[in-house]
Amino acid sequence: MKLVGVLFVVLTAGVAMALTAAVSVQPQIVFSVANPSVEPAQYSLTIREDGTGVYKATYTPSGDDTAAAPVDRAIRVHNPVLAEIFSVARKSHFFAVNCQGHQRVAFTGKKTLTYSGPDGRGSCTFNYAHKKGVNNVAAKLMAVAYTLAIGSELQSEHRYDRLSLDVELAALQEAVVDKQALELENIASVLESISSDDAVMNQARARAQKLLHEASMTR
Protein backbone atom coordinates (compact mmCIF):
# COMPACT_ATOMS: atom_id res chain seq x y z
CA MET A 1 0.00 0.00 0.00
CA LYS A 2 2.89 2.36 0.76
CA LEU A 3 4.33 1.70 -2.71
CA VAL A 4 0.95 2.52 -4.28
CA GLY A 5 0.85 5.74 -2.30
CA VAL A 6 4.32 6.72 -3.44
CA LEU A 7 3.46 5.96 -7.06
CA PHE A 8 0.30 8.07 -6.77
CA VAL A 9 2.28 11.03 -5.42
CA VAL A 10 4.87 10.69 -8.20
CA LEU A 11 2.16 10.43 -10.84
CA THR A 12 0.30 13.44 -9.45
CA ALA A 13 3.49 15.49 -9.37
CA GLY A 14 4.26 14.44 -12.94
CA VAL A 15 0.85 15.56 -14.17
CA ALA A 16 1.20 18.90 -12.34
CA MET A 17 4.62 19.47 -13.89
CA ALA A 18 3.27 18.61 -17.34
CA LEU A 19 0.42 21.09 -16.93
CA THR A 20 2.81 23.79 -15.74
CA ALA A 21 5.08 23.12 -18.72
CA ALA A 22 2.11 23.35 -21.09
CA VAL A 23 1.20 26.75 -19.68
CA SER A 24 4.78 28.03 -19.84
CA VAL A 25 5.16 27.18 -23.54
CA GLN A 26 1.88 28.77 -24.57
CA PRO A 27 2.58 31.12 -27.49
CA GLN A 28 2.69 34.76 -26.47
CA ILE A 29 3.35 38.17 -28.00
CA VAL A 30 4.98 41.04 -26.15
CA PHE A 31 4.47 44.55 -27.52
CA SER A 32 6.49 47.33 -25.92
CA VAL A 33 6.55 51.05 -26.69
CA ALA A 34 8.93 53.77 -25.50
CA ASN A 35 8.11 57.43 -26.22
CA PRO A 36 9.31 60.07 -23.74
CA SER A 37 6.98 62.73 -25.20
CA VAL A 38 3.75 61.01 -24.06
CA GLU A 39 2.35 59.36 -20.95
CA PRO A 40 2.98 56.66 -20.10
CA ALA A 41 6.52 57.05 -21.40
CA GLN A 42 6.97 53.28 -21.51
CA TYR A 43 4.50 50.41 -21.54
CA SER A 44 4.20 46.82 -22.59
CA LEU A 45 1.44 44.36 -23.36
CA THR A 46 2.04 40.64 -22.94
CA ILE A 47 -0.70 38.65 -24.65
CA ARG A 48 -1.00 34.86 -24.62
CA GLU A 49 -2.85 32.96 -27.31
CA ASP A 50 -5.71 32.15 -24.92
CA GLY A 51 -6.38 35.91 -24.65
CA THR A 52 -5.02 36.43 -21.14
CA GLY A 53 -2.27 38.95 -20.63
CA VAL A 54 -0.55 41.64 -18.62
CA TYR A 55 -0.26 45.41 -19.06
CA LYS A 56 2.74 47.17 -17.53
CA ALA A 57 3.39 50.89 -17.69
CA THR A 58 5.88 53.39 -16.32
CA TYR A 59 4.79 56.98 -15.85
CA THR A 60 7.19 59.91 -15.65
CA PRO A 61 7.34 61.42 -12.15
CA SER A 62 5.86 64.92 -11.94
CA GLY A 63 5.90 67.76 -9.42
CA ASP A 64 7.47 66.82 -6.11
CA ASP A 65 7.11 63.09 -6.77
CA THR A 66 10.39 61.22 -6.54
CA ALA A 67 9.01 58.16 -8.29
CA ALA A 68 5.94 57.15 -10.23
CA ALA A 69 4.02 54.07 -9.16
CA PRO A 70 4.32 51.43 -11.90
CA VAL A 71 1.18 49.87 -13.37
CA ASP A 72 1.01 46.08 -13.53
CA ARG A 73 -2.42 44.58 -14.21
CA ALA A 74 -4.06 41.58 -15.80
CA ILE A 75 -5.94 42.11 -19.08
CA ARG A 76 -7.85 40.09 -21.65
CA VAL A 77 -7.88 40.44 -25.43
CA HIS A 78 -10.61 38.92 -27.62
CA ASN A 79 -11.11 37.97 -31.25
CA PRO A 80 -10.83 39.35 -33.87
CA VAL A 81 -7.88 41.31 -32.45
CA LEU A 82 -6.41 38.23 -30.77
CA ALA A 83 -6.61 36.05 -33.88
CA GLU A 84 -5.16 38.77 -36.10
CA ILE A 85 -2.05 39.49 -34.06
CA PHE A 86 -1.07 35.82 -33.84
CA SER A 87 -1.84 35.26 -37.52
CA VAL A 88 0.36 38.19 -38.54
CA ALA A 89 3.13 37.00 -36.22
CA ARG A 90 3.27 33.62 -37.93
CA LYS A 91 3.02 35.11 -41.42
CA SER A 92 5.89 37.48 -40.51
CA HIS A 93 8.31 34.71 -39.46
CA PHE A 94 7.52 35.28 -35.77
CA PHE A 95 8.80 38.88 -36.16
CA ALA A 96 12.32 37.54 -36.75
CA VAL A 97 12.73 40.07 -39.57
CA ASN A 98 13.85 43.66 -40.10
CA CYS A 99 10.61 45.57 -39.54
CA GLN A 100 11.74 49.15 -39.88
CA GLY A 101 10.49 50.86 -43.02
CA HIS A 102 12.34 53.60 -44.91
CA GLN A 103 9.41 56.01 -45.12
CA ARG A 104 9.81 59.39 -43.46
CA VAL A 105 7.04 59.46 -40.91
CA ALA A 106 6.50 61.18 -37.58
CA PHE A 107 7.95 59.44 -34.55
CA THR A 108 5.19 57.67 -32.63
CA GLY A 109 7.37 55.60 -30.34
CA LYS A 110 10.05 52.94 -30.42
CA LYS A 111 7.97 49.80 -30.82
CA THR A 112 9.12 46.21 -30.32
CA LEU A 113 7.11 43.09 -31.16
CA THR A 114 8.36 39.80 -29.74
CA TYR A 115 6.89 36.35 -30.36
CA SER A 116 7.77 33.25 -28.36
CA GLY A 117 6.23 29.79 -28.50
CA PRO A 118 6.92 26.14 -29.27
CA ASP A 119 6.64 26.86 -32.99
CA GLY A 120 9.21 29.66 -33.12
CA ARG A 121 10.46 32.95 -31.74
CA GLY A 122 11.63 36.30 -32.95
CA SER A 123 11.63 40.04 -32.36
CA CYS A 124 11.78 43.28 -34.33
CA THR A 125 11.91 46.97 -33.47
CA PHE A 126 10.53 49.86 -35.49
CA ASN A 127 8.84 53.25 -35.53
CA TYR A 128 6.91 52.53 -38.71
CA ALA A 129 7.15 49.07 -40.27
CA HIS A 130 7.45 48.36 -43.98
CA LYS A 131 4.88 45.56 -43.67
CA LYS A 132 1.23 46.59 -43.49
CA GLY A 133 0.30 43.65 -41.28
CA VAL A 134 2.91 44.54 -38.67
CA ASN A 135 1.74 48.17 -38.62
CA ASN A 136 -1.86 46.97 -38.20
CA VAL A 137 -0.85 44.82 -35.22
CA ALA A 138 0.99 47.76 -33.66
CA ALA A 139 -1.99 50.07 -34.22
CA LYS A 140 -4.42 47.64 -32.62
CA LEU A 141 -2.21 47.00 -29.61
CA MET A 142 -1.65 50.74 -29.16
CA ALA A 143 -5.46 51.11 -29.20
CA VAL A 144 -5.69 48.49 -26.44
CA ALA A 145 -3.02 50.34 -24.45
CA TYR A 146 -4.85 53.64 -24.97
CA THR A 147 -8.00 52.14 -23.46
CA LEU A 148 -6.07 50.97 -20.42
CA ALA A 149 -4.32 54.34 -19.99
CA ILE A 150 -7.54 56.34 -20.25
CA GLY A 151 -9.17 53.89 -17.85
CA SER A 152 -6.55 54.86 -15.27
CA GLU A 153 -7.24 58.55 -15.98
CA LEU A 154 -10.97 58.04 -15.53
CA GLN A 155 -10.44 56.23 -12.26
CA SER A 156 -8.30 59.11 -10.95
CA GLU A 157 -10.74 61.79 -12.17
CA HIS A 158 -13.70 59.96 -10.65
CA ARG A 159 -11.96 60.22 -7.32
CA TYR A 160 -10.41 63.69 -7.50
CA ASP A 161 -11.91 65.66 -10.42
CA ARG A 162 -15.43 64.58 -11.39
CA LEU A 163 -15.99 67.69 -13.52
CA SER A 164 -13.36 66.45 -16.00
CA LEU A 165 -15.09 63.11 -16.55
CA ASP A 166 -17.46 64.24 -19.29
CA VAL A 167 -14.65 65.57 -21.51
CA GLU A 168 -12.55 62.44 -20.96
CA LEU A 169 -15.46 60.11 -21.67
CA ALA A 170 -16.37 62.08 -24.81
CA ALA A 171 -12.78 61.65 -26.05
CA LEU A 172 -12.99 57.93 -25.35
CA GLN A 173 -16.25 57.66 -27.29
CA GLU A 174 -14.62 59.32 -30.30
CA ALA A 175 -11.63 57.02 -30.00
CA VAL A 176 -13.93 53.98 -30.01
CA VAL A 177 -15.62 55.18 -33.20
CA ASP A 178 -12.22 55.77 -34.84
CA LYS A 179 -10.94 52.35 -33.68
CA GLN A 180 -8.29 54.11 -31.61
CA ALA A 181 -9.62 52.46 -28.45
CA LEU A 182 -10.17 48.70 -28.28
CA GLU A 183 -11.03 46.04 -25.68
CA LEU A 184 -13.19 48.24 -23.45
CA GLU A 185 -14.06 45.27 -21.25
CA ASN A 186 -10.72 45.82 -19.50
CA ILE A 187 -12.02 49.09 -18.00
CA ALA A 188 -15.65 48.00 -17.54
CA SER A 189 -15.41 48.19 -13.74
CA VAL A 190 -14.30 51.84 -13.95
CA LEU A 191 -17.12 52.73 -16.35
CA GLU A 192 -19.66 50.95 -14.16
CA SER A 193 -18.48 52.82 -11.09
CA ILE A 194 -18.92 56.15 -12.89
CA SER A 195 -22.30 55.32 -14.41
CA SER A 196 -23.76 54.30 -11.05
CA ASP A 197 -22.47 57.33 -9.10
CA ASP A 198 -25.19 59.92 -8.40
CA ALA A 199 -22.49 62.51 -7.66
CA VAL A 200 -21.36 62.44 -11.31
CA MET A 201 -23.08 64.65 -13.91
CA ASN A 202 -25.90 62.91 -15.77
CA GLN A 203 -24.26 63.42 -19.16
CA ALA A 204 -21.03 61.80 -18.01
CA ARG A 205 -22.97 58.92 -16.47
CA ALA A 206 -24.84 58.44 -19.74
CA ARG A 207 -21.58 58.36 -21.69
CA ALA A 208 -20.16 55.79 -19.29
CA GLN A 209 -23.30 53.67 -19.70
CA LYS A 210 -23.02 53.75 -23.51
CA LEU A 211 -19.37 52.75 -23.29
CA LEU A 212 -20.32 49.90 -20.97
CA HIS A 213 -22.69 48.68 -23.67
CA GLU A 214 -19.78 48.77 -26.14
CA ALA A 215 -17.68 46.79 -23.67
CA SER A 216 -20.38 44.13 -23.30
CA MET A 217 -20.24 43.45 -27.04
CA THR A 218 -16.81 41.80 -26.63
CA ARG A 219 -17.83 39.47 -23.85
C-alpha atoms as a PDB file:
ATOM      1  CA  MET A   1       0.000   0.000   0.000  1.00  0.00           C
ATOM      2  CA  LYS A   2       2.891   2.356   0.760  1.00  0.00           C
ATOM      3  CA  LEU A   3       4.329   1.699  -2.712  1.00  0.00           C
ATOM      4  CA  VAL A   4       0.949   2.517  -4.283  1.00  0.00           C
ATOM      5  CA  GLY A   5       0.845   5.744  -2.302  1.00  0.00           C
ATOM      6  CA  VAL A   6       4.324   6.723  -3.435  1.00  0.00           C
ATOM      7  CA  LEU A   7       3.464   5.963  -7.059  1.00  0.00           C
ATOM      8  CA  PHE A   8       0.297   8.074  -6.772  1.00  0.00           C
ATOM      9  CA  VAL A   9       2.275  11.030  -5.422  1.00  0.00           C
ATOM     10  CA  VAL A  10       4.869  10.685  -8.196  1.00  0.00           C
ATOM     11  CA  LEU A  11       2.156  10.431 -10.841  1.00  0.00           C
ATOM     12  CA  THR A  12       0.303  13.440  -9.454  1.00  0.00           C
ATOM     13  CA  ALA A  13       3.490  15.485  -9.370  1.00  0.00           C
ATOM     14  CA  GLY A  14       4.263  14.445 -12.939  1.00  0.00           C
ATOM     15  CA  VAL A  15       0.846  15.559 -14.167  1.00  0.00           C
ATOM     16  CA  ALA A  16       1.203  18.900 -12.345  1.00  0.00           C
ATOM     17  CA  MET A  17       4.622  19.470 -13.888  1.00  0.00           C
ATOM     18  CA  ALA A  18       3.271  18.611 -17.338  1.00  0.00           C
ATOM     19  CA  LEU A  19       0.416  21.089 -16.930  1.00  0.00           C
ATOM     20  CA  THR A  20       2.813  23.791 -15.743  1.00  0.00           C
ATOM     21  CA  ALA A  21       5.085  23.120 -18.720  1.00  0.00           C
ATOM     22  CA  ALA A  22       2.110  23.345 -21.090  1.00  0.00           C
ATOM     23  CA  VAL A  23       1.197  26.745 -19.676  1.00  0.00           C
ATOM     24  CA  SER A  24       4.776  28.027 -19.839  1.00  0.00           C
ATOM     25  CA  VAL A  25       5.159  27.182 -23.538  1.00  0.00           C
ATOM     26  CA  GLN A  26       1.878  28.771 -24.569  1.00  0.00           C
ATOM     27  CA  PRO A  27       2.577  31.124 -27.486  1.00  0.00           C
ATOM     28  CA  GLN A  28       2.692  34.763 -26.474  1.00  0.00           C
ATOM     29  CA  ILE A  29       3.354  38.167 -28.004  1.00  0.00           C
ATOM     30  CA  VAL A  30       4.977  41.041 -26.149  1.00  0.00           C
ATOM     31  CA  PHE A  31       4.467  44.548 -27.517  1.00  0.00           C
ATOM     32  CA  SER A  32       6.492  47.329 -25.923  1.00  0.00           C
ATOM     33  CA  VAL A  33       6.549  51.050 -26.688  1.00  0.00           C
ATOM     34  CA  ALA A  34       8.926  53.772 -25.502  1.00  0.00           C
ATOM     35  CA  ASN A  35       8.111  57.427 -26.216  1.00  0.00           C
ATOM     36  CA  PRO A  36       9.305  60.072 -23.739  1.00  0.00           C
ATOM     37  CA  SER A  37       6.980  62.730 -25.196  1.00  0.00           C
ATOM     38  CA  VAL A  38       3.754  61.012 -24.062  1.00  0.00           C
ATOM     39  CA  GLU A  39       2.348  59.358 -20.950  1.00  0.00           C
ATOM     40  CA  PRO A  40       2.983  56.658 -20.103  1.00  0.00           C
ATOM     41  CA  ALA A  41       6.516  57.053 -21.404  1.00  0.00           C
ATOM     42  CA  GLN A  42       6.966  53.278 -21.508  1.00  0.00           C
ATOM     43  CA  TYR A  43       4.504  50.415 -21.537  1.00  0.00           C
ATOM     44  CA  SER A  44       4.204  46.816 -22.588  1.00  0.00           C
ATOM     45  CA  LEU A  45       1.439  44.357 -23.359  1.00  0.00           C
ATOM     46  CA  THR A  46       2.044  40.642 -22.942  1.00  0.00           C
ATOM     47  CA  ILE A  47      -0.697  38.648 -24.651  1.00  0.00           C
ATOM     48  CA  ARG A  48      -1.003  34.865 -24.615  1.00  0.00           C
ATOM     49  CA  GLU A  49      -2.850  32.956 -27.309  1.00  0.00           C
ATOM     50  CA  ASP A  50      -5.709  32.153 -24.920  1.00  0.00           C
ATOM     51  CA  GLY A  51      -6.382  35.909 -24.649  1.00  0.00           C
ATOM     52  CA  THR A  52      -5.018  36.434 -21.140  1.00  0.00           C
ATOM     53  CA  GLY A  53      -2.268  38.946 -20.627  1.00  0.00           C
ATOM     54  CA  VAL A  54      -0.554  41.639 -18.618  1.00  0.00           C
ATOM     55  CA  TYR A  55      -0.256  45.412 -19.063  1.00  0.00           C
ATOM     56  CA  LYS A  56       2.738  47.167 -17.532  1.00  0.00           C
ATOM     57  CA  ALA A  57       3.392  50.894 -17.686  1.00  0.00           C
ATOM     58  CA  THR A  58       5.875  53.389 -16.318  1.00  0.00           C
ATOM     59  CA  TYR A  59       4.786  56.983 -15.848  1.00  0.00           C
ATOM     60  CA  THR A  60       7.195  59.913 -15.654  1.00  0.00           C
ATOM     61  CA  PRO A  61       7.343  61.425 -12.151  1.00  0.00           C
ATOM     62  CA  SER A  62       5.860  64.923 -11.937  1.00  0.00           C
ATOM     63  CA  GLY A  63       5.903  67.760  -9.420  1.00  0.00           C
ATOM     64  CA  ASP A  64       7.466  66.820  -6.107  1.00  0.00           C
ATOM     65  CA  ASP A  65       7.109  63.094  -6.766  1.00  0.00           C
ATOM     66  CA  THR A  66      10.389  61.218  -6.536  1.00  0.00           C
ATOM     67  CA  ALA A  67       9.014  58.156  -8.292  1.00  0.00           C
ATOM     68  CA  ALA A  68       5.942  57.148 -10.227  1.00  0.00           C
ATOM     69  CA  ALA A  69       4.025  54.068  -9.163  1.00  0.00           C
ATOM     70  CA  PRO A  70       4.321  51.427 -11.896  1.00  0.00           C
ATOM     71  CA  VAL A  71       1.184  49.868 -13.367  1.00  0.00           C
ATOM     72  CA  ASP A  72       1.008  46.084 -13.532  1.00  0.00           C
ATOM     73  CA  ARG A  73      -2.418  44.578 -14.213  1.00  0.00           C
ATOM     74  CA  ALA A  74      -4.062  41.575 -15.800  1.00  0.00           C
ATOM     75  CA  ILE A  75      -5.936  42.108 -19.080  1.00  0.00           C
ATOM     76  CA  ARG A  76      -7.853  40.094 -21.649  1.00  0.00           C
ATOM     77  CA  VAL A  77      -7.884  40.436 -25.434  1.00  0.00           C
ATOM     78  CA  HIS A  78     -10.605  38.916 -27.621  1.00  0.00           C
ATOM     79  CA  ASN A  79     -11.110  37.969 -31.249  1.00  0.00           C
ATOM     80  CA  PRO A  80     -10.830  39.347 -33.870  1.00  0.00           C
ATOM     81  CA  VAL A  81      -7.882  41.307 -32.445  1.00  0.00           C
ATOM     82  CA  LEU A  82      -6.408  38.232 -30.771  1.00  0.00           C
ATOM     83  CA  ALA A  83      -6.610  36.051 -33.885  1.00  0.00           C
ATOM     84  CA  GLU A  84      -5.158  38.774 -36.100  1.00  0.00           C
ATOM     85  CA  ILE A  85      -2.050  39.489 -34.059  1.00  0.00           C
ATOM     86  CA  PHE A  86      -1.065  35.820 -33.844  1.00  0.00           C
ATOM     87  CA  SER A  87      -1.844  35.259 -37.516  1.00  0.00           C
ATOM     88  CA  VAL A  88       0.362  38.195 -38.543  1.00  0.00           C
ATOM     89  CA  ALA A  89       3.132  37.000 -36.221  1.00  0.00           C
ATOM     90  CA  ARG A  90       3.266  33.625 -37.930  1.00  0.00           C
ATOM     91  CA  LYS A  91       3.024  35.109 -41.416  1.00  0.00           C
ATOM     92  CA  SER A  92       5.886  37.477 -40.515  1.00  0.00           C
ATOM     93  CA  HIS A  93       8.311  34.712 -39.460  1.00  0.00           C
ATOM     94  CA  PHE A  94       7.520  35.277 -35.770  1.00  0.00           C
ATOM     95  CA  PHE A  95       8.798  38.877 -36.162  1.00  0.00           C
ATOM     96  CA  ALA A  96      12.319  37.539 -36.754  1.00  0.00           C
ATOM     97  CA  VAL A  97      12.729  40.074 -39.565  1.00  0.00           C
ATOM     98  CA  ASN A  98      13.854  43.657 -40.097  1.00  0.00           C
ATOM     99  CA  CYS A  99      10.605  45.568 -39.538  1.00  0.00           C
ATOM    100  CA  GLN A 100      11.744  49.155 -39.885  1.00  0.00           C
ATOM    101  CA  GLY A 101      10.492  50.862 -43.024  1.00  0.00           C
ATOM    102  CA  HIS A 102      12.335  53.596 -44.912  1.00  0.00           C
ATOM    103  CA  GLN A 103       9.410  56.011 -45.121  1.00  0.00           C
ATOM    104  CA  ARG A 104       9.813  59.392 -43.461  1.00  0.00           C
ATOM    105  CA  VAL A 105       7.036  59.461 -40.914  1.00  0.00           C
ATOM    106  CA  ALA A 106       6.501  61.183 -37.575  1.00  0.00           C
ATOM    107  CA  PHE A 107       7.955  59.444 -34.547  1.00  0.00           C
ATOM    108  CA  THR A 108       5.191  57.671 -32.634  1.00  0.00           C
ATOM    109  CA  GLY A 109       7.368  55.596 -30.342  1.00  0.00           C
ATOM    110  CA  LYS A 110      10.054  52.940 -30.415  1.00  0.00           C
ATOM    111  CA  LYS A 111       7.973  49.799 -30.820  1.00  0.00           C
ATOM    112  CA  THR A 112       9.123  46.213 -30.323  1.00  0.00           C
ATOM    113  CA  LEU A 113       7.114  43.086 -31.163  1.00  0.00           C
ATOM    114  CA  THR A 114       8.355  39.803 -29.735  1.00  0.00           C
ATOM    115  CA  TYR A 115       6.894  36.352 -30.357  1.00  0.00           C
ATOM    116  CA  SER A 116       7.770  33.250 -28.357  1.00  0.00           C
ATOM    117  CA  GLY A 117       6.228  29.792 -28.504  1.00  0.00           C
ATOM    118  CA  PRO A 118       6.918  26.136 -29.265  1.00  0.00           C
ATOM    119  CA  ASP A 119       6.636  26.863 -32.991  1.00  0.00           C
ATOM    120  CA  GLY A 120       9.208  29.661 -33.117  1.00  0.00           C
ATOM    121  CA  ARG A 121      10.455  32.948 -31.745  1.00  0.00           C
ATOM    122  CA  GLY A 122      11.629  36.302 -32.952  1.00  0.00           C
ATOM    123  CA  SER A 123      11.633  40.038 -32.357  1.00  0.00           C
ATOM    124  CA  CYS A 124      11.777  43.278 -34.334  1.00  0.00           C
ATOM    125  CA  THR A 125      11.914  46.971 -33.467  1.00  0.00           C
ATOM    126  CA  PHE A 126      10.525  49.860 -35.488  1.00  0.00           C
ATOM    127  CA  ASN A 127       8.844  53.252 -35.530  1.00  0.00           C
ATOM    128  CA  TYR A 128       6.911  52.532 -38.709  1.00  0.00           C
ATOM    129  CA  ALA A 129       7.151  49.072 -40.273  1.00  0.00           C
ATOM    130  CA  HIS A 130       7.448  48.364 -43.979  1.00  0.00           C
ATOM    131  CA  LYS A 131       4.878  45.559 -43.671  1.00  0.00           C
ATOM    132  CA  LYS A 132       1.231  46.594 -43.495  1.00  0.00           C
ATOM    133  CA  GLY A 133       0.299  43.645 -41.280  1.00  0.00           C
ATOM    134  CA  VAL A 134       2.911  44.544 -38.671  1.00  0.00           C
ATOM    135  CA  ASN A 135       1.737  48.169 -38.625  1.00  0.00           C
ATOM    136  CA  ASN A 136      -1.855  46.973 -38.197  1.00  0.00           C
ATOM    137  CA  VAL A 137      -0.854  44.821 -35.223  1.00  0.00           C
ATOM    138  CA  ALA A 138       0.990  47.764 -33.659  1.00  0.00           C
ATOM    139  CA  ALA A 139      -1.993  50.072 -34.222  1.00  0.00           C
ATOM    140  CA  LYS A 140      -4.424  47.643 -32.619  1.00  0.00           C
ATOM    141  CA  LEU A 141      -2.211  47.004 -29.613  1.00  0.00           C
ATOM    142  CA  MET A 142      -1.652  50.744 -29.163  1.00  0.00           C
ATOM    143  CA  ALA A 143      -5.459  51.108 -29.198  1.00  0.00           C
ATOM    144  CA  VAL A 144      -5.693  48.489 -26.438  1.00  0.00           C
ATOM    145  CA  ALA A 145      -3.021  50.337 -24.446  1.00  0.00           C
ATOM    146  CA  TYR A 146      -4.848  53.643 -24.969  1.00  0.00           C
ATOM    147  CA  THR A 147      -7.997  52.143 -23.456  1.00  0.00           C
ATOM    148  CA  LEU A 148      -6.067  50.973 -20.418  1.00  0.00           C
ATOM    149  CA  ALA A 149      -4.323  54.336 -19.986  1.00  0.00           C
ATOM    150  CA  ILE A 150      -7.543  56.344 -20.252  1.00  0.00           C
ATOM    151  CA  GLY A 151      -9.168  53.893 -17.850  1.00  0.00           C
ATOM    152  CA  SER A 152      -6.546  54.864 -15.268  1.00  0.00           C
ATOM    153  CA  GLU A 153      -7.239  58.551 -15.976  1.00  0.00           C
ATOM    154  CA  LEU A 154     -10.970  58.041 -15.531  1.00  0.00           C
ATOM    155  CA  GLN A 155     -10.435  56.234 -12.260  1.00  0.00           C
ATOM    156  CA  SER A 156      -8.305  59.113 -10.952  1.00  0.00           C
ATOM    157  CA  GLU A 157     -10.739  61.786 -12.173  1.00  0.00           C
ATOM    158  CA  HIS A 158     -13.696  59.957 -10.652  1.00  0.00           C
ATOM    159  CA  ARG A 159     -11.961  60.222  -7.317  1.00  0.00           C
ATOM    160  CA  TYR A 160     -10.415  63.685  -7.504  1.00  0.00           C
ATOM    161  CA  ASP A 161     -11.908  65.660 -10.418  1.00  0.00           C
ATOM    162  CA  ARG A 162     -15.431  64.577 -11.386  1.00  0.00           C
ATOM    163  CA  LEU A 163     -15.988  67.690 -13.520  1.00  0.00           C
ATOM    164  CA  SER A 164     -13.365  66.446 -16.005  1.00  0.00           C
ATOM    165  CA  LEU A 165     -15.091  63.109 -16.545  1.00  0.00           C
ATOM    166  CA  ASP A 166     -17.457  64.243 -19.293  1.00  0.00           C
ATOM    167  CA  VAL A 167     -14.645  65.569 -21.508  1.00  0.00           C
ATOM    168  CA  GLU A 168     -12.546  62.445 -20.958  1.00  0.00           C
ATOM    169  CA  LEU A 169     -15.464  60.114 -21.668  1.00  0.00           C
ATOM    170  CA  ALA A 170     -16.369  62.081 -24.810  1.00  0.00           C
ATOM    171  CA  ALA A 171     -12.778  61.647 -26.054  1.00  0.00           C
ATOM    172  CA  LEU A 172     -12.992  57.932 -25.348  1.00  0.00           C
ATOM    173  CA  GLN A 173     -16.252  57.664 -27.291  1.00  0.00           C
ATOM    174  CA  GLU A 174     -14.620  59.325 -30.295  1.00  0.00           C
ATOM    175  CA  ALA A 175     -11.625  57.017 -30.001  1.00  0.00           C
ATOM    176  CA  VAL A 176     -13.926  53.982 -30.008  1.00  0.00           C
ATOM    177  CA  VAL A 177     -15.623  55.181 -33.200  1.00  0.00           C
ATOM    178  CA  ASP A 178     -12.218  55.767 -34.835  1.00  0.00           C
ATOM    179  CA  LYS A 179     -10.935  52.348 -33.685  1.00  0.00           C
ATOM    180  CA  GLN A 180      -8.291  54.113 -31.609  1.00  0.00           C
ATOM    181  CA  ALA A 181      -9.623  52.459 -28.446  1.00  0.00           C
ATOM    182  CA  LEU A 182     -10.174  48.702 -28.279  1.00  0.00           C
ATOM    183  CA  GLU A 183     -11.032  46.044 -25.678  1.00  0.00           C
ATOM    184  CA  LEU A 184     -13.195  48.244 -23.446  1.00  0.00           C
ATOM    185  CA  GLU A 185     -14.055  45.274 -21.250  1.00  0.00           C
ATOM    186  CA  ASN A 186     -10.723  45.819 -19.500  1.00  0.00           C
ATOM    187  CA  ILE A 187     -12.025  49.092 -18.002  1.00  0.00           C
ATOM    188  CA  ALA A 188     -15.653  47.999 -17.538  1.00  0.00           C
ATOM    189  CA  SER A 189     -15.406  48.189 -13.741  1.00  0.00           C
ATOM    190  CA  VAL A 190     -14.297  51.839 -13.946  1.00  0.00           C
ATOM    191  CA  LEU A 191     -17.116  52.727 -16.346  1.00  0.00           C
ATOM    192  CA  GLU A 192     -19.658  50.945 -14.157  1.00  0.00           C
ATOM    193  CA  SER A 193     -18.476  52.823 -11.087  1.00  0.00           C
ATOM    194  CA  ILE A 194     -18.924  56.153 -12.893  1.00  0.00           C
ATOM    195  CA  SER A 195     -22.300  55.316 -14.414  1.00  0.00           C
ATOM    196  CA  SER A 196     -23.755  54.297 -11.051  1.00  0.00           C
ATOM    197  CA  ASP A 197     -22.468  57.329  -9.096  1.00  0.00           C
ATOM    198  CA  ASP A 198     -25.189  59.923  -8.402  1.00  0.00           C
ATOM    199  CA  ALA A 199     -22.485  62.509  -7.657  1.00  0.00           C
ATOM    200  CA  VAL A 200     -21.365  62.440 -11.310  1.00  0.00           C
ATOM    201  CA  MET A 201     -23.076  64.654 -13.912  1.00  0.00           C
ATOM    202  CA  ASN A 202     -25.900  62.907 -15.773  1.00  0.00           C
ATOM    203  CA  GLN A 203     -24.256  63.423 -19.164  1.00  0.00           C
ATOM    204  CA  ALA A 204     -21.029  61.804 -18.007  1.00  0.00           C
ATOM    205  CA  ARG A 205     -22.970  58.918 -16.468  1.00  0.00           C
ATOM    206  CA  ALA A 206     -24.842  58.439 -19.743  1.00  0.00           C
ATOM    207  CA  ARG A 207     -21.584  58.363 -21.686  1.00  0.00           C
ATOM    208  CA  ALA A 208     -20.163  55.786 -19.295  1.00  0.00           C
ATOM    209  CA  GLN A 209     -23.299  53.671 -19.702  1.00  0.00           C
ATOM    210  CA  LYS A 210     -23.023  53.753 -23.506  1.00  0.00           C
ATOM    211  CA  LEU A 211     -19.372  52.752 -23.294  1.00  0.00           C
ATOM    212  CA  LEU A 212     -20.322  49.902 -20.970  1.00  0.00           C
ATOM    213  CA  HIS A 213     -22.693  48.680 -23.674  1.00  0.00           C
ATOM    214  CA  GLU A 214     -19.783  48.773 -26.138  1.00  0.00           C
ATOM    215  CA  ALA A 215     -17.685  46.795 -23.665  1.00  0.00           C
ATOM    216  CA  SER A 216     -20.378  44.127 -23.303  1.00  0.00           C
ATOM    217  CA  MET A 217     -20.236  43.452 -27.044  1.00  0.00           C
ATOM    218  CA  THR A 218     -16.814  41.804 -26.634  1.00  0.00           C
ATOM    219  CA  ARG A 219     -17.827  39.474 -23.845  1.00  0.00           C
END
